[in-house]
């Protein structure tokens, strides 16, 4: 009797579902569902959940309760929320791509001290494209390249620079480069050292 679950809901050729431990070697399970397709769900006494989906998984959320006559995409109405109170949140897709598509996307890093960074790394390229305006600002901005830097504008190219009192490139830049561009290059060299 010790090897049988405490409460068996079903056990048939399609799968098994029960409450309680799976046997003497499983003291922590509270709920288990296993289908012959390989889909598994397990809930444990310590509050953990494990789920295995051998195929694809699709979830469709309408964001509207039955009988709710409010518009489906009401501003400020959250239809799905994932909150992690402690620990990290990892989204891994090593053999595929990740697509995020929304009306607006907000990413905020709020860590204190040495945290609060937003880091993006790519093996090949990072492309940012804005239909109207792309703004990059910071306490310090560093632009560094192992090869070359190209600034290309169909319109005017504006430089607003502060005076640089000392620079490792003083006296090195050719005299035919405009003063504002020299200051930009010198500023980049100073801020990235």
N, C-alpha and C. Protein backbone atom coordinates (compact mmCIF):
# COMPACT_ATOMS: atom_id res chain seq x y z
N UNK A 1 0.82 -1.20 0.00
CA UNK A 1 0.00 0.00 0.00
C UNK A 1 0.86 1.26 0.00
N UNK A 2 2.11 1.19 0.51
CA UNK A 2 2.97 2.36 0.60
C UNK A 2 3.40 2.87 -0.77
N UNK A 3 3.38 2.04 -1.82
CA UNK A 3 3.81 2.44 -3.15
C UNK A 3 2.67 3.03 -3.98
N UNK A 4 1.47 3.07 -3.46
CA UNK A 4 0.33 3.62 -4.19
C UNK A 4 0.06 5.05 -3.72
N UNK A 5 -0.37 5.93 -4.63
CA UNK A 5 -0.69 7.29 -4.21
C UNK A 5 -1.88 7.31 -3.27
N UNK A 6 -1.96 8.38 -2.47
CA UNK A 6 -3.02 8.47 -1.47
C UNK A 6 -4.40 8.65 -2.10
N UNK A 7 -4.50 9.50 -3.15
CA UNK A 7 -5.78 9.74 -3.80
C UNK A 7 -5.58 9.65 -5.31
N UNK A 8 -6.09 8.60 -5.91
CA UNK A 8 -5.94 8.37 -7.34
C UNK A 8 -7.19 8.89 -8.06
N UNK A 9 -7.00 9.89 -8.94
CA UNK A 9 -8.13 10.41 -9.71
C UNK A 9 -8.41 9.52 -10.91
N UNK A 10 -7.36 9.21 -11.65
CA UNK A 10 -7.55 8.38 -12.83
C UNK A 10 -6.26 7.66 -13.18
N UNK A 11 -6.38 6.48 -13.72
CA UNK A 11 -5.25 5.69 -14.23
C UNK A 11 -5.79 4.86 -15.38
N UNK A 12 -5.50 5.32 -16.61
CA UNK A 12 -6.02 4.64 -17.78
C UNK A 12 -4.95 4.65 -18.88
N UNK A 13 -5.23 4.11 -20.06
CA UNK A 13 -4.21 4.06 -21.11
C UNK A 13 -3.71 5.43 -21.58
N UNK A 14 -4.41 6.51 -21.22
CA UNK A 14 -4.00 7.85 -21.65
C UNK A 14 -3.11 8.56 -20.64
N UNK A 15 -3.18 8.15 -19.39
CA UNK A 15 -2.36 8.80 -18.38
C UNK A 15 -2.81 8.48 -16.98
N UNK A 16 -2.13 9.13 -16.02
CA UNK A 16 -2.44 8.92 -14.61
C UNK A 16 -2.42 10.27 -13.91
N UNK A 17 -3.33 10.44 -12.94
CA UNK A 17 -3.40 11.67 -12.17
C UNK A 17 -3.74 11.30 -10.73
N UNK A 18 -2.95 11.82 -9.79
CA UNK A 18 -3.19 11.48 -8.39
C UNK A 18 -2.65 12.56 -7.46
N UNK A 19 -3.15 12.53 -6.20
CA UNK A 19 -2.67 13.39 -5.13
C UNK A 19 -1.86 12.55 -4.16
N UNK A 20 -0.81 13.15 -3.60
CA UNK A 20 0.01 12.45 -2.62
C UNK A 20 1.32 11.98 -3.23
N UNK A 21 2.18 11.39 -2.41
CA UNK A 21 3.48 10.90 -2.89
C UNK A 21 3.31 9.81 -3.94
N UNK A 22 4.29 9.73 -4.86
CA UNK A 22 4.25 8.70 -5.90
C UNK A 22 4.73 7.36 -5.37
N UNK A 23 5.27 7.31 -4.16
CA UNK A 23 5.75 6.08 -3.57
C UNK A 23 6.69 6.39 -2.42
N UNK A 24 7.33 5.35 -1.90
CA UNK A 24 8.22 5.50 -0.74
C UNK A 24 9.43 6.39 -1.07
N UNK A 25 9.86 6.42 -2.33
CA UNK A 25 11.01 7.23 -2.73
C UNK A 25 10.63 8.67 -3.07
N UNK A 26 9.38 9.03 -2.89
CA UNK A 26 8.91 10.37 -3.24
C UNK A 26 8.13 10.96 -2.07
N UNK A 27 8.83 11.55 -1.09
CA UNK A 27 8.13 12.07 0.08
C UNK A 27 7.56 13.48 -0.10
N UNK A 28 7.81 14.16 -1.23
CA UNK A 28 7.43 15.57 -1.33
C UNK A 28 6.27 15.86 -2.28
N UNK A 29 5.90 14.95 -3.16
CA UNK A 29 4.85 15.24 -4.15
C UNK A 29 3.49 15.40 -3.49
N UNK A 30 2.75 16.40 -3.95
CA UNK A 30 1.36 16.59 -3.53
C UNK A 30 0.39 16.25 -4.66
N UNK A 31 0.82 16.54 -5.91
CA UNK A 31 -0.04 16.31 -7.06
C UNK A 31 0.82 15.94 -8.25
N UNK A 32 0.40 14.93 -9.01
CA UNK A 32 1.14 14.49 -10.20
C UNK A 32 0.15 14.18 -11.32
N UNK A 33 0.47 14.66 -12.52
CA UNK A 33 -0.30 14.28 -13.70
C UNK A 33 0.70 13.89 -14.78
N UNK A 34 0.56 12.69 -15.33
CA UNK A 34 1.46 12.21 -16.38
C UNK A 34 0.61 11.63 -17.50
N UNK A 35 0.80 12.18 -18.71
CA UNK A 35 0.08 11.68 -19.88
C UNK A 35 1.03 10.86 -20.74
N UNK A 36 0.48 9.93 -21.52
CA UNK A 36 1.32 9.06 -22.35
C UNK A 36 2.06 9.85 -23.44
N UNK A 37 1.62 11.07 -23.73
CA UNK A 37 2.31 11.92 -24.71
C UNK A 37 3.64 12.45 -24.17
N UNK A 38 3.87 12.30 -22.86
CA UNK A 38 5.09 12.80 -22.25
C UNK A 38 4.88 14.09 -21.47
N UNK A 39 3.65 14.63 -21.46
CA UNK A 39 3.35 15.84 -20.69
C UNK A 39 3.26 15.48 -19.21
N UNK A 40 3.98 16.26 -18.39
CA UNK A 40 4.01 16.00 -16.95
C UNK A 40 3.82 17.29 -16.17
N UNK A 41 3.07 17.19 -15.07
CA UNK A 41 2.94 18.29 -14.10
C UNK A 41 3.13 17.69 -12.72
N UNK A 42 3.93 18.38 -11.89
CA UNK A 42 4.16 17.91 -10.52
C UNK A 42 4.18 19.11 -9.58
N UNK A 43 3.41 19.02 -8.50
CA UNK A 43 3.39 20.03 -7.44
C UNK A 43 3.89 19.37 -6.16
N UNK A 44 4.73 20.09 -5.41
CA UNK A 44 5.35 19.49 -4.23
C UNK A 44 4.92 20.19 -2.94
N UNK A 45 5.20 19.56 -1.80
CA UNK A 45 4.83 20.09 -0.49
C UNK A 45 5.51 21.41 -0.19
N UNK A 46 6.70 21.65 -0.74
CA UNK A 46 7.42 22.89 -0.46
C UNK A 46 7.05 24.02 -1.42
N UNK A 47 5.98 23.83 -2.22
CA UNK A 47 5.47 24.90 -3.07
C UNK A 47 6.07 24.96 -4.45
N UNK A 48 6.87 23.98 -4.85
CA UNK A 48 7.49 23.99 -6.17
C UNK A 48 6.56 23.37 -7.21
N UNK A 49 6.76 23.78 -8.46
CA UNK A 49 5.98 23.23 -9.57
C UNK A 49 6.95 22.87 -10.69
N UNK A 50 6.77 21.70 -11.25
CA UNK A 50 7.53 21.27 -12.41
C UNK A 50 6.56 20.91 -13.52
N UNK A 51 6.89 21.33 -14.74
CA UNK A 51 6.02 21.03 -15.87
C UNK A 51 6.87 20.72 -17.09
N UNK A 52 6.56 19.64 -17.78
CA UNK A 52 7.26 19.25 -18.99
C UNK A 52 6.25 19.21 -20.13
N UNK A 53 6.52 19.98 -21.19
CA UNK A 53 5.66 20.00 -22.39
C UNK A 53 6.51 19.48 -23.54
N UNK A 54 6.30 18.26 -24.00
CA UNK A 54 7.17 17.71 -25.04
C UNK A 54 6.96 18.33 -26.42
N UNK A 55 5.84 19.00 -26.63
CA UNK A 55 5.57 19.64 -27.92
C UNK A 55 5.55 21.15 -27.77
N UNK A 56 4.62 21.82 -28.43
CA UNK A 56 4.49 23.27 -28.32
C UNK A 56 3.48 23.62 -27.24
N UNK A 57 3.52 24.87 -26.78
CA UNK A 57 2.60 25.33 -25.74
C UNK A 57 2.07 26.69 -26.16
N UNK A 58 0.77 26.84 -26.26
CA UNK A 58 0.16 28.10 -26.66
C UNK A 58 -0.86 28.52 -25.60
N UNK A 59 -0.85 29.81 -25.29
CA UNK A 59 -1.77 30.36 -24.31
C UNK A 59 -2.41 31.59 -24.92
N UNK A 60 -3.72 31.65 -24.92
CA UNK A 60 -4.44 32.79 -25.48
C UNK A 60 -5.24 33.45 -24.37
N UNK A 61 -4.95 34.73 -24.13
CA UNK A 61 -5.63 35.46 -23.07
C UNK A 61 -6.43 36.59 -23.70
N UNK A 62 -7.73 36.59 -23.51
CA UNK A 62 -8.57 37.63 -24.09
C UNK A 62 -8.54 38.90 -23.26
N UNK A 63 -8.23 38.79 -21.97
CA UNK A 63 -8.17 39.97 -21.12
C UNK A 63 -9.52 40.51 -20.76
N UNK A 64 -10.56 39.67 -20.82
CA UNK A 64 -11.91 40.12 -20.53
C UNK A 64 -12.67 38.97 -19.89
N UNK A 65 -13.27 39.24 -18.74
CA UNK A 65 -14.04 38.22 -18.05
C UNK A 65 -15.42 38.09 -18.71
N UNK A 66 -16.04 36.90 -18.62
CA UNK A 66 -17.39 36.75 -19.17
C UNK A 66 -18.34 37.76 -18.54
N UNK A 67 -19.13 38.43 -19.37
CA UNK A 67 -20.07 39.43 -18.88
C UNK A 67 -19.45 40.80 -18.68
N UNK A 68 -18.15 40.92 -18.93
CA UNK A 68 -17.46 42.20 -18.78
C UNK A 68 -17.63 42.99 -20.08
N UNK A 69 -18.33 44.12 -20.02
CA UNK A 69 -18.59 44.88 -21.24
C UNK A 69 -17.57 45.99 -21.48
N UNK A 70 -16.50 46.03 -20.68
CA UNK A 70 -15.45 47.03 -20.92
C UNK A 70 -14.69 46.65 -22.19
N UNK A 71 -14.07 47.66 -22.81
CA UNK A 71 -13.31 47.37 -24.02
C UNK A 71 -12.16 46.44 -23.70
N UNK A 72 -11.85 45.56 -24.64
CA UNK A 72 -10.90 44.47 -24.41
C UNK A 72 -9.51 44.98 -24.07
N UNK A 73 -9.06 46.07 -24.70
CA UNK A 73 -7.70 46.56 -24.50
C UNK A 73 -7.69 47.84 -23.69
N UNK A 74 -8.42 47.85 -22.59
CA UNK A 74 -8.50 49.04 -21.75
C UNK A 74 -7.12 49.37 -21.19
N UNK A 75 -6.71 50.64 -21.31
CA UNK A 75 -5.40 51.06 -20.83
C UNK A 75 -5.27 50.80 -19.33
N UNK A 76 -4.10 50.30 -18.93
CA UNK A 76 -3.83 50.06 -17.52
C UNK A 76 -4.39 48.76 -16.99
N UNK A 77 -5.11 48.02 -17.80
CA UNK A 77 -5.70 46.76 -17.36
C UNK A 77 -4.72 45.64 -17.69
N UNK A 78 -4.16 45.01 -16.67
CA UNK A 78 -3.18 43.94 -16.87
C UNK A 78 -3.92 42.62 -17.03
N UNK A 79 -3.67 41.96 -18.15
CA UNK A 79 -4.33 40.69 -18.43
C UNK A 79 -3.51 39.49 -17.98
N UNK A 80 -2.18 39.64 -17.90
CA UNK A 80 -1.33 38.55 -17.40
C UNK A 80 -0.16 39.17 -16.67
N UNK A 81 0.15 38.62 -15.51
CA UNK A 81 1.24 39.15 -14.70
C UNK A 81 2.07 37.99 -14.15
N UNK A 82 3.39 38.12 -14.22
CA UNK A 82 4.30 37.16 -13.59
C UNK A 82 5.15 37.96 -12.61
N UNK A 83 5.07 37.63 -11.35
CA UNK A 83 5.83 38.34 -10.31
C UNK A 83 6.76 37.35 -9.62
N UNK A 84 8.04 37.67 -9.60
CA UNK A 84 9.03 36.84 -8.90
C UNK A 84 9.48 37.65 -7.68
N UNK A 85 9.12 37.22 -6.47
CA UNK A 85 9.43 37.99 -5.28
C UNK A 85 10.90 37.88 -4.88
N UNK A 86 11.52 36.74 -5.10
CA UNK A 86 12.93 36.55 -4.80
C UNK A 86 13.54 35.67 -5.88
N UNK A 87 14.83 35.89 -6.14
CA UNK A 87 15.50 35.08 -7.15
C UNK A 87 15.44 35.72 -8.52
N UNK A 88 15.93 35.01 -9.50
CA UNK A 88 16.02 35.52 -10.86
C UNK A 88 14.90 34.95 -11.72
N UNK A 89 14.64 35.61 -12.83
CA UNK A 89 13.67 35.15 -13.83
C UNK A 89 14.46 34.89 -15.11
N UNK A 90 14.45 33.67 -15.61
CA UNK A 90 15.24 33.31 -16.79
C UNK A 90 14.30 32.88 -17.90
N UNK A 91 14.51 33.43 -19.08
CA UNK A 91 13.78 33.04 -20.29
C UNK A 91 14.84 32.59 -21.28
N UNK A 92 14.93 31.29 -21.53
CA UNK A 92 16.01 30.73 -22.34
C UNK A 92 15.43 30.04 -23.56
N UNK A 93 16.01 30.34 -24.72
CA UNK A 93 15.58 29.73 -25.98
C UNK A 93 16.83 29.56 -26.85
N UNK A 94 17.69 28.62 -26.49
CA UNK A 94 19.01 28.50 -27.11
C UNK A 94 18.97 28.09 -28.57
N UNK A 95 17.95 27.35 -28.98
CA UNK A 95 17.88 26.87 -30.36
C UNK A 95 16.77 27.53 -31.15
N UNK A 96 16.38 28.72 -30.72
CA UNK A 96 15.31 29.44 -31.41
C UNK A 96 15.43 30.93 -31.15
N UNK A 97 14.43 31.68 -31.55
CA UNK A 97 14.40 33.13 -31.39
C UNK A 97 13.34 33.52 -30.37
N UNK A 98 13.48 34.71 -29.81
CA UNK A 98 12.48 35.26 -28.89
C UNK A 98 11.90 36.51 -29.54
N UNK A 99 10.59 36.57 -29.63
CA UNK A 99 9.91 37.70 -30.25
C UNK A 99 9.09 38.42 -29.18
N UNK A 100 9.27 39.72 -29.06
CA UNK A 100 8.43 40.55 -28.20
C UNK A 100 7.73 41.55 -29.10
N UNK A 101 6.42 41.59 -29.05
CA UNK A 101 5.67 42.52 -29.90
C UNK A 101 4.56 43.13 -29.07
N UNK A 102 4.52 44.45 -29.01
CA UNK A 102 3.50 45.14 -28.24
C UNK A 102 3.35 46.55 -28.77
N UNK A 103 2.30 47.23 -28.34
CA UNK A 103 2.12 48.64 -28.71
C UNK A 103 3.30 49.46 -28.20
N UNK A 104 3.68 49.28 -26.95
CA UNK A 104 4.87 49.88 -26.35
C UNK A 104 5.55 48.81 -25.51
N UNK A 105 6.87 48.88 -25.39
CA UNK A 105 7.62 47.95 -24.55
C UNK A 105 8.45 48.77 -23.57
N UNK A 106 8.28 48.52 -22.29
CA UNK A 106 9.01 49.23 -21.25
C UNK A 106 9.92 48.25 -20.53
N UNK A 107 11.20 48.57 -20.43
CA UNK A 107 12.15 47.77 -19.67
C UNK A 107 12.81 48.70 -18.66
N UNK A 108 12.73 48.37 -17.39
CA UNK A 108 13.28 49.23 -16.34
C UNK A 108 14.12 48.39 -15.40
N UNK A 109 15.35 48.81 -15.14
CA UNK A 109 16.22 48.16 -14.16
C UNK A 109 16.29 49.07 -12.94
N UNK A 110 15.89 48.56 -11.77
CA UNK A 110 15.75 49.41 -10.59
C UNK A 110 16.66 49.01 -9.44
N UNK A 111 17.70 48.24 -9.72
CA UNK A 111 18.59 47.80 -8.65
C UNK A 111 19.31 48.96 -7.98
N UNK A 112 19.74 48.74 -6.76
CA UNK A 112 20.46 49.76 -6.01
C UNK A 112 21.93 49.42 -5.95
N UNK A 113 22.75 50.40 -5.60
CA UNK A 113 24.19 50.18 -5.48
C UNK A 113 24.82 49.88 -6.82
N UNK A 114 25.46 48.72 -6.93
CA UNK A 114 26.11 48.32 -8.18
C UNK A 114 25.16 47.62 -9.14
N UNK A 115 23.88 47.60 -8.84
CA UNK A 115 22.89 46.96 -9.70
C UNK A 115 22.05 48.02 -10.39
N UNK A 116 21.13 47.60 -11.23
CA UNK A 116 20.30 48.53 -11.97
C UNK A 116 20.78 48.73 -13.39
N UNK A 117 21.55 47.81 -13.92
CA UNK A 117 22.08 47.92 -15.28
C UNK A 117 21.18 47.19 -16.27
N UNK A 118 21.20 47.66 -17.51
CA UNK A 118 20.51 47.00 -18.62
C UNK A 118 21.60 46.63 -19.62
N UNK A 119 21.86 45.34 -19.77
CA UNK A 119 22.98 44.89 -20.59
C UNK A 119 22.46 44.12 -21.81
N UNK A 120 23.00 44.42 -22.98
CA UNK A 120 22.64 43.72 -24.21
C UNK A 120 23.93 43.25 -24.86
N UNK A 121 24.05 41.97 -25.12
CA UNK A 121 25.22 41.41 -25.79
C UNK A 121 24.76 40.62 -27.01
N UNK A 122 25.51 40.71 -28.09
CA UNK A 122 25.18 39.97 -29.30
C UNK A 122 26.46 39.45 -29.94
N UNK A 123 26.41 38.24 -30.49
CA UNK A 123 27.57 37.68 -31.18
C UNK A 123 27.77 38.29 -32.56
N UNK A 124 26.68 38.82 -33.17
CA UNK A 124 26.79 39.32 -34.53
C UNK A 124 26.50 40.81 -34.62
N UNK A 125 25.28 41.24 -34.40
CA UNK A 125 24.95 42.66 -34.58
C UNK A 125 23.84 43.07 -33.64
N UNK A 126 23.80 44.35 -33.30
CA UNK A 126 22.70 44.96 -32.57
C UNK A 126 22.16 46.08 -33.45
N UNK A 127 20.90 46.02 -33.78
CA UNK A 127 20.29 47.02 -34.64
C UNK A 127 19.17 47.72 -33.88
N UNK A 128 19.20 49.04 -33.83
CA UNK A 128 18.12 49.83 -33.25
C UNK A 128 17.60 50.76 -34.33
N UNK A 129 16.30 50.76 -34.53
CA UNK A 129 15.70 51.57 -35.58
C UNK A 129 14.47 52.25 -35.01
N UNK A 130 14.41 53.56 -35.12
CA UNK A 130 13.25 54.31 -34.65
C UNK A 130 12.68 55.11 -35.80
N UNK A 131 11.36 55.07 -35.96
CA UNK A 131 10.73 55.80 -37.04
C UNK A 131 10.77 57.31 -36.85
N UNK A 132 10.90 57.77 -35.60
CA UNK A 132 10.89 59.21 -35.35
C UNK A 132 12.15 59.68 -34.66
N UNK A 133 12.48 59.16 -33.49
CA UNK A 133 13.60 59.69 -32.71
C UNK A 133 14.26 58.57 -31.92
N UNK A 134 15.58 58.52 -31.95
CA UNK A 134 16.36 57.60 -31.13
C UNK A 134 17.20 58.46 -30.19
N UNK A 135 17.00 58.29 -28.89
CA UNK A 135 17.71 59.09 -27.90
C UNK A 135 18.59 58.19 -27.06
N UNK A 136 19.85 58.56 -26.92
CA UNK A 136 20.78 57.86 -26.04
C UNK A 136 21.32 58.90 -25.07
N UNK A 137 21.11 58.69 -23.79
CA UNK A 137 21.60 59.65 -22.80
C UNK A 137 22.11 58.90 -21.58
N UNK A 138 22.98 59.53 -20.86
CA UNK A 138 23.52 58.91 -19.66
C UNK A 138 24.44 59.87 -18.94
N UNK A 139 24.83 59.51 -17.71
CA UNK A 139 25.80 60.32 -16.99
C UNK A 139 27.09 60.43 -17.78
N UNK A 140 27.52 59.33 -18.34
CA UNK A 140 28.64 59.27 -19.27
C UNK A 140 28.20 58.38 -20.42
N UNK A 141 28.55 58.75 -21.64
CA UNK A 141 28.23 57.94 -22.80
C UNK A 141 29.54 57.59 -23.49
N UNK A 142 29.77 56.32 -23.69
CA UNK A 142 31.00 55.85 -24.32
C UNK A 142 30.64 55.13 -25.62
N UNK A 143 31.25 55.53 -26.71
CA UNK A 143 31.09 54.85 -28.00
C UNK A 143 32.46 54.33 -28.37
N UNK A 144 32.59 53.03 -28.48
CA UNK A 144 33.89 52.42 -28.75
C UNK A 144 33.74 51.42 -29.88
N UNK A 145 34.74 51.35 -30.74
CA UNK A 145 34.70 50.42 -31.86
C UNK A 145 36.08 49.83 -32.08
N UNK A 146 36.13 48.52 -32.36
CA UNK A 146 37.40 47.88 -32.69
C UNK A 146 37.81 48.19 -34.13
N UNK A 147 36.86 48.64 -34.95
CA UNK A 147 37.16 48.89 -36.35
C UNK A 147 36.93 50.35 -36.71
N UNK A 148 35.71 50.74 -36.95
CA UNK A 148 35.44 52.11 -37.38
C UNK A 148 34.11 52.57 -36.82
N UNK A 149 33.91 53.89 -36.80
CA UNK A 149 32.65 54.49 -36.38
C UNK A 149 32.19 55.38 -37.53
N UNK A 150 30.97 55.19 -37.99
CA UNK A 150 30.42 56.01 -39.08
C UNK A 150 29.24 56.80 -38.54
N UNK A 151 29.25 58.10 -38.76
CA UNK A 151 28.12 58.97 -38.45
C UNK A 151 27.57 59.45 -39.79
N UNK A 152 26.33 59.08 -40.09
CA UNK A 152 25.77 59.37 -41.40
C UNK A 152 24.40 60.01 -41.20
N UNK A 153 24.21 61.18 -41.74
CA UNK A 153 22.93 61.88 -41.62
C UNK A 153 22.52 62.41 -42.98
N UNK A 154 21.25 62.19 -43.35
CA UNK A 154 20.74 62.78 -44.59
C UNK A 154 20.57 64.28 -44.44
N UNK A 155 20.39 64.72 -43.21
CA UNK A 155 20.25 66.15 -42.93
C UNK A 155 21.53 66.69 -42.32
N UNK A 156 21.38 67.58 -41.36
CA UNK A 156 22.52 68.19 -40.72
C UNK A 156 23.05 67.31 -39.59
N UNK A 157 24.33 67.41 -39.31
CA UNK A 157 24.97 66.70 -38.21
C UNK A 157 25.39 67.75 -37.20
N UNK A 158 24.75 67.73 -36.02
CA UNK A 158 25.00 68.75 -35.00
C UNK A 158 25.94 68.20 -33.94
N UNK A 159 26.85 69.03 -33.47
CA UNK A 159 27.72 68.70 -32.35
C UNK A 159 27.61 69.79 -31.31
N UNK A 160 27.23 69.43 -30.12
CA UNK A 160 27.21 70.36 -29.01
C UNK A 160 28.21 69.84 -27.99
N UNK A 161 29.34 70.51 -27.86
CA UNK A 161 30.43 69.98 -27.05
C UNK A 161 30.84 70.97 -25.98
N UNK A 162 31.24 70.45 -24.85
CA UNK A 162 31.83 71.27 -23.80
C UNK A 162 33.33 71.33 -24.04
N UNK A 163 33.98 72.29 -23.39
CA UNK A 163 35.43 72.40 -23.53
C UNK A 163 36.12 71.21 -22.88
N UNK A 164 37.15 70.70 -23.54
CA UNK A 164 37.96 69.61 -23.01
C UNK A 164 39.30 70.21 -22.62
N UNK A 165 39.64 70.17 -21.33
CA UNK A 165 40.88 70.79 -20.89
C UNK A 165 42.09 69.93 -21.22
N UNK A 166 41.94 68.60 -21.09
CA UNK A 166 43.06 67.71 -21.39
C UNK A 166 42.53 66.50 -22.14
N UNK A 167 43.29 65.99 -23.07
CA UNK A 167 42.88 64.83 -23.83
C UNK A 167 44.11 64.08 -24.28
N UNK A 168 44.05 62.73 -24.31
CA UNK A 168 45.19 61.96 -24.80
C UNK A 168 45.44 62.19 -26.29
N UNK A 169 44.47 62.82 -27.01
CA UNK A 169 44.62 63.05 -28.44
C UNK A 169 45.01 64.49 -28.76
N UNK A 170 45.35 65.30 -27.73
CA UNK A 170 45.70 66.70 -27.97
C UNK A 170 46.85 66.79 -28.95
N UNK A 171 46.68 67.61 -29.98
CA UNK A 171 47.73 67.83 -30.96
C UNK A 171 47.89 66.71 -31.96
N UNK A 172 47.11 65.64 -31.86
CA UNK A 172 47.26 64.49 -32.76
C UNK A 172 46.28 64.58 -33.93
N UNK A 173 45.07 65.10 -33.69
CA UNK A 173 44.04 65.13 -34.73
C UNK A 173 44.41 66.15 -35.80
N UNK A 174 44.18 65.83 -37.07
CA UNK A 174 44.52 66.75 -38.16
C UNK A 174 43.78 68.08 -38.02
N UNK A 175 44.39 69.12 -38.51
CA UNK A 175 43.82 70.46 -38.37
C UNK A 175 42.61 70.69 -39.26
N UNK A 176 42.41 69.88 -40.31
CA UNK A 176 41.28 70.10 -41.21
C UNK A 176 39.97 69.56 -40.65
N UNK A 177 40.03 68.77 -39.56
CA UNK A 177 38.80 68.27 -38.94
C UNK A 177 38.14 69.42 -38.18
N UNK A 178 36.82 69.62 -38.38
CA UNK A 178 36.14 70.71 -37.68
C UNK A 178 36.34 70.61 -36.16
N UNK A 179 36.39 71.78 -35.51
CA UNK A 179 36.66 71.85 -34.09
C UNK A 179 35.66 71.03 -33.27
N UNK A 180 34.36 71.09 -33.65
CA UNK A 180 33.34 70.35 -32.90
C UNK A 180 33.55 68.85 -33.02
N UNK A 181 33.93 68.38 -34.21
CA UNK A 181 34.18 66.95 -34.40
C UNK A 181 35.41 66.52 -33.61
N UNK A 182 36.43 67.37 -33.57
CA UNK A 182 37.61 67.06 -32.76
C UNK A 182 37.22 66.89 -31.31
N UNK A 183 36.39 67.79 -30.82
CA UNK A 183 35.96 67.70 -29.41
C UNK A 183 35.17 66.43 -29.15
N UNK A 184 34.32 66.04 -30.11
CA UNK A 184 33.56 64.81 -29.95
C UNK A 184 34.50 63.62 -29.86
N UNK A 185 35.47 63.56 -30.77
CA UNK A 185 36.42 62.43 -30.78
C UNK A 185 37.24 62.42 -29.49
N UNK A 186 37.68 63.59 -29.07
CA UNK A 186 38.47 63.67 -27.84
C UNK A 186 37.63 63.25 -26.63
N UNK A 187 36.38 63.69 -26.62
CA UNK A 187 35.49 63.33 -25.52
C UNK A 187 35.24 61.85 -25.44
N UNK A 188 35.07 61.22 -26.61
CA UNK A 188 34.90 59.76 -26.65
C UNK A 188 36.14 59.07 -26.12
N UNK A 189 37.30 59.54 -26.54
CA UNK A 189 38.55 58.93 -26.10
C UNK A 189 38.72 59.04 -24.59
N UNK A 190 38.37 60.20 -24.04
CA UNK A 190 38.51 60.40 -22.59
C UNK A 190 37.53 59.55 -21.81
N UNK A 191 36.24 59.53 -22.25
CA UNK A 191 35.21 58.83 -21.47
C UNK A 191 35.34 57.32 -21.55
N UNK A 192 36.00 56.78 -22.58
CA UNK A 192 36.10 55.34 -22.74
C UNK A 192 37.40 54.76 -22.20
N UNK A 193 38.26 55.59 -21.57
CA UNK A 193 39.54 55.06 -21.05
C UNK A 193 39.35 54.51 -19.67
